[in-house]
Amino acid sequence: MKAILGKKIGMTQIFAESGEVVPVTVIEAGPAVVTQIKTEENDGYAAVQIGYEDTKEHRVTKPLRGHFAKSGTGLKKHMTEFRLEDGESYELGQEITVADFEEGKKLDITGVSKGKGTQGNIKRHGHHRGPMSHGSKHKRLAGALAGATYPSRVFKGNKGPGRMGRETVTVQNVVLVKVDTDRNLLLVKGAVPGRKGGLVKVQYAVKGQDDK
């Protein structure tokens, strides 16, 4: 299992050896460093914590400064952890780069989706609109939400207008098309969640990995 943090740069297209045009998302990944190794004995579960992107001292709390000093790494802006089966094979302060990833492997990529703000029930949930004829007062409204006598209230969880987007989304089994070690880039087939410049977590696919 391999894992790394990175930023979504944007989308482009490349040509496969067969001449086929492949749409890809470009991710600037790493280099990241191992800031902590968690074990069953000490923490109750096994995981590897990694840090990504240098930051200034005044942006880091005092406890985190001690945490980074203990690991022997510089101050990092982002931190996350991955539950890896071979976590004990990592070392504290070890650098993780795109060179650790193999082309053709499948990835699970997690990011925060684009925020759409407050939206109506049609855009948010795909509801049908009402009649658009003259005199209609029910064109894009939510419609009846509850009965009169029974239940005389709106059930919890009823779909309606509200905030849309800005949720943690994971896409699974995304094919890693190309690895550019010179520029720390991963080119993956298709789209991944998030805006340009958004933080993404990349790891080898948990399900559906084709062993070679």
Protein backbone atom coordinates (compact mmCIF):
# COMPACT_ATOMS: atom_id res chain seq x y z
CA MET A 1 0.00 0.00 0.00
CA LYS A 2 1.23 3.48 -0.94
CA ALA A 3 -0.24 6.83 0.08
CA ILE A 4 0.57 10.52 -0.42
CA LEU A 5 -0.92 14.02 -0.20
CA GLY A 6 -1.10 16.47 -3.08
CA LYS A 7 -2.89 19.28 -4.86
CA LYS A 8 -5.24 19.11 -7.81
CA ILE A 9 -3.73 21.19 -10.63
CA GLY A 10 -6.43 20.74 -13.28
CA MET A 11 -7.41 18.58 -16.25
CA THR A 12 -5.82 17.99 -19.63
CA GLN A 13 -5.48 15.16 -22.12
CA ILE A 14 -2.68 12.90 -23.29
CA PHE A 15 -2.29 10.35 -26.06
CA ALA A 16 -1.91 6.67 -25.26
CA GLU A 17 0.44 4.43 -27.23
CA SER A 18 -2.56 3.24 -29.27
CA GLY A 19 -3.29 6.83 -30.30
CA GLU A 20 -6.36 7.07 -28.08
CA VAL A 21 -6.99 10.42 -26.36
CA VAL A 22 -7.12 9.97 -22.57
CA PRO A 23 -8.61 12.72 -20.35
CA VAL A 24 -6.49 13.04 -17.21
CA THR A 25 -6.39 15.02 -13.99
CA VAL A 26 -2.98 16.37 -12.99
CA ILE A 27 -2.09 16.06 -9.29
CA GLU A 28 1.04 17.64 -7.82
CA ALA A 29 1.80 15.06 -5.11
CA GLY A 30 4.42 15.36 -2.42
CA PRO A 31 7.08 15.16 -1.45
CA ALA A 32 5.55 14.23 1.91
CA VAL A 33 7.26 13.05 5.09
CA VAL A 34 6.29 10.54 7.76
CA THR A 35 5.57 12.48 10.96
CA GLN A 36 4.30 9.61 13.14
CA ILE A 37 3.91 5.84 13.06
CA LYS A 38 0.97 4.52 15.08
CA THR A 39 0.90 0.94 16.35
CA GLU A 40 -1.63 -1.38 17.96
CA GLU A 41 0.34 -1.37 21.23
CA ASN A 42 0.57 2.40 21.69
CA ASP A 43 -2.47 3.80 19.86
CA GLY A 44 -4.91 0.90 19.52
CA TYR A 45 -4.61 0.79 15.73
CA ALA A 46 -1.92 0.81 13.08
CA ALA A 47 -1.52 3.86 10.83
CA VAL A 48 1.05 6.15 9.24
CA GLN A 49 0.74 9.91 9.68
CA ILE A 50 2.27 12.07 6.95
CA GLY A 51 2.81 15.81 6.57
CA TYR A 52 2.77 17.87 3.38
CA GLU A 53 3.76 21.41 2.35
CA ASP A 54 6.05 23.58 4.47
CA THR A 55 4.56 26.39 6.51
CA LYS A 56 5.72 29.23 8.80
CA GLU A 57 6.19 28.90 12.54
CA HIS A 58 3.51 31.40 13.54
CA ARG A 59 0.90 29.30 11.72
CA VAL A 60 1.60 26.22 13.85
CA THR A 61 0.49 25.74 17.45
CA LYS A 62 3.05 25.06 20.17
CA PRO A 63 2.03 21.40 20.69
CA LEU A 64 2.35 20.75 16.95
CA ARG A 65 5.81 22.35 16.91
CA GLY A 66 6.90 19.80 19.50
CA HIS A 67 5.25 17.04 17.47
CA PHE A 68 7.20 17.99 14.35
CA ALA A 69 10.43 18.41 16.34
CA LYS A 70 10.04 14.89 17.73
CA SER A 71 9.68 13.47 14.24
CA GLY A 72 12.67 15.47 12.99
CA THR A 73 10.72 17.04 10.12
CA GLY A 74 10.02 20.66 9.28
CA LEU A 75 6.72 22.38 10.04
CA LYS A 76 3.96 21.15 7.74
CA LYS A 77 0.71 22.81 6.68
CA HIS A 78 -1.29 19.62 6.14
CA MET A 79 -1.32 16.36 8.06
CA THR A 80 -3.33 13.20 7.66
CA GLU A 81 -2.99 9.52 8.39
CA PHE A 82 -3.51 6.36 6.39
CA ARG A 83 -4.21 2.91 7.76
CA LEU A 84 -1.67 0.92 5.79
CA GLU A 85 -1.08 -2.81 6.10
CA ASP A 86 2.69 -2.36 5.80
CA GLY A 87 2.86 0.72 8.04
CA GLU A 88 5.68 -0.75 10.11
CA SER A 89 7.91 -0.73 7.02
CA TYR A 90 7.96 3.08 7.11
CA GLU A 91 10.45 5.09 9.17
CA LEU A 92 9.99 8.37 11.03
CA GLY A 93 11.04 11.28 8.82
CA GLN A 94 11.00 9.13 5.67
CA GLU A 95 10.22 11.05 2.48
CA ILE A 96 7.41 9.83 0.23
CA THR A 97 7.44 10.88 -3.44
CA VAL A 98 5.60 10.01 -6.64
CA ALA A 99 8.48 7.69 -7.52
CA ASP A 100 6.97 5.20 -5.06
CA PHE A 101 3.90 4.82 -7.30
CA GLU A 102 3.65 2.50 -10.29
CA GLU A 103 1.93 3.38 -13.57
CA GLY A 104 -1.13 1.27 -14.35
CA LYS A 105 -2.11 0.81 -10.71
CA LYS A 106 -5.55 1.81 -9.44
CA LEU A 107 -5.95 4.61 -6.87
CA ASP A 108 -8.51 5.82 -4.35
CA ILE A 109 -8.56 9.63 -4.33
CA THR A 110 -10.30 11.73 -1.65
CA GLY A 111 -11.02 15.46 -1.89
CA VAL A 112 -13.54 18.11 -0.90
CA SER A 113 -16.07 18.75 -3.66
CA LYS A 114 -16.76 22.21 -5.03
CA GLY A 115 -19.17 24.31 -2.95
CA LYS A 116 -22.34 25.35 -4.80
CA GLY A 117 -23.85 27.49 -2.04
CA THR A 118 -27.56 27.38 -1.24
CA GLN A 119 -29.51 25.71 -4.05
CA GLY A 120 -33.11 24.74 -4.69
CA ASN A 121 -34.55 21.27 -4.66
CA ILE A 122 -34.35 20.91 -8.46
CA LYS A 123 -30.59 21.47 -8.75
CA ARG A 124 -29.76 19.87 -5.41
CA HIS A 125 -31.81 16.67 -5.70
CA GLY A 126 -32.91 16.53 -9.34
CA HIS A 127 -36.62 17.03 -8.64
CA HIS A 128 -39.02 17.73 -11.51
CA ARG A 129 -40.42 21.22 -11.98
CA GLY A 130 -44.08 22.11 -12.03
CA PRO A 131 -46.12 23.24 -15.07
CA MET A 132 -44.69 26.30 -16.84
CA SER A 133 -48.02 27.42 -18.25
CA HIS A 134 -49.52 30.85 -17.61
CA GLY A 135 -50.96 31.21 -14.14
CA SER A 136 -48.98 28.37 -12.60
CA LYS A 137 -47.71 29.12 -9.10
CA HIS A 138 -45.73 25.92 -8.86
CA LYS A 139 -42.82 26.16 -11.29
CA ARG A 140 -39.69 25.41 -9.25
CA LEU A 141 -41.11 25.01 -5.74
CA ALA A 142 -40.59 21.92 -3.61
CA GLY A 143 -44.27 20.92 -3.67
CA ALA A 144 -46.19 19.31 -0.83
CA LEU A 145 -43.91 18.40 2.07
CA ALA A 146 -46.47 16.96 4.53
CA GLY A 147 -50.11 15.96 4.83
CA ALA A 148 -52.66 18.13 6.62
CA THR A 149 -54.27 15.92 9.28
CA TYR A 150 -51.60 13.24 9.25
CA PRO A 151 -48.71 13.49 9.83
CA SER A 152 -49.19 17.28 9.98
CA ARG A 153 -45.44 17.77 10.05
CA VAL A 154 -42.41 17.41 7.82
CA PHE A 155 -40.42 14.20 8.37
CA LYS A 156 -36.77 14.56 9.31
CA GLY A 157 -34.44 14.08 6.34
CA ASN A 158 -36.98 15.24 3.73
CA LYS A 159 -35.19 16.44 0.60
CA GLY A 160 -35.44 20.16 0.00
CA PRO A 161 -33.45 23.35 -0.67
CA GLY A 162 -30.21 23.90 1.22
CA ARG A 163 -26.44 23.98 1.09
CA MET A 164 -24.97 21.98 -1.78
CA GLY A 165 -21.44 20.70 -2.28
CA ARG A 166 -18.30 21.10 -0.16
CA GLU A 167 -18.44 17.51 1.04
CA THR A 168 -15.70 14.91 1.40
CA VAL A 169 -15.89 12.66 -1.67
CA THR A 170 -13.84 9.58 -2.56
CA VAL A 171 -13.52 8.16 -6.07
CA GLN A 172 -12.34 4.57 -6.23
CA ASN A 173 -10.27 2.55 -8.68
CA VAL A 174 -8.94 5.51 -10.69
CA VAL A 175 -6.21 4.38 -13.09
CA LEU A 176 -2.79 5.98 -12.70
CA VAL A 177 -1.83 6.76 -16.30
CA LYS A 178 1.55 8.47 -15.93
CA VAL A 179 4.09 9.39 -13.23
CA ASP A 180 6.33 12.45 -13.75
CA THR A 181 9.07 12.21 -11.13
CA ASP A 182 10.86 15.36 -12.32
CA ARG A 183 7.85 17.58 -11.54
CA ASN A 184 6.22 15.47 -8.79
CA LEU A 185 3.11 14.87 -10.90
CA LEU A 186 0.57 12.06 -11.02
CA LEU A 187 -1.69 11.88 -14.09
CA VAL A 188 -4.86 9.90 -13.35
CA LYS A 189 -7.61 8.97 -15.78
CA GLY A 190 -10.83 10.98 -15.50
CA ALA A 191 -11.97 13.55 -12.97
CA VAL A 192 -11.31 13.75 -9.23
CA PRO A 193 -13.23 15.74 -6.58
CA GLY A 194 -12.37 19.30 -5.65
CA ARG A 195 -11.40 22.67 -7.04
CA LYS A 196 -8.10 23.59 -8.64
CA GLY A 197 -5.49 23.84 -5.91
CA GLY A 198 -7.56 21.73 -3.54
CA LEU A 199 -5.93 19.19 -1.24
CA VAL A 200 -6.39 15.53 -2.21
CA LYS A 201 -5.43 12.26 -0.53
CA VAL A 202 -4.08 9.58 -2.86
CA GLN A 203 -3.53 5.92 -2.03
CA TYR A 204 -3.50 2.56 -3.76
CA ALA A 205 -7.03 1.23 -4.25
CA VAL A 206 -8.35 -0.83 -1.36
CA LYS A 207 -10.76 -2.74 -3.61
CA GLY A 208 -10.40 -3.82 -7.22
CA GLN A 209 -6.62 -3.60 -7.43
CA ASP A 210 -5.25 -5.70 -10.28
CA ASP A 211 -2.20 -7.57 -9.05
CA LYS A 212 0.54 -7.72 -11.63
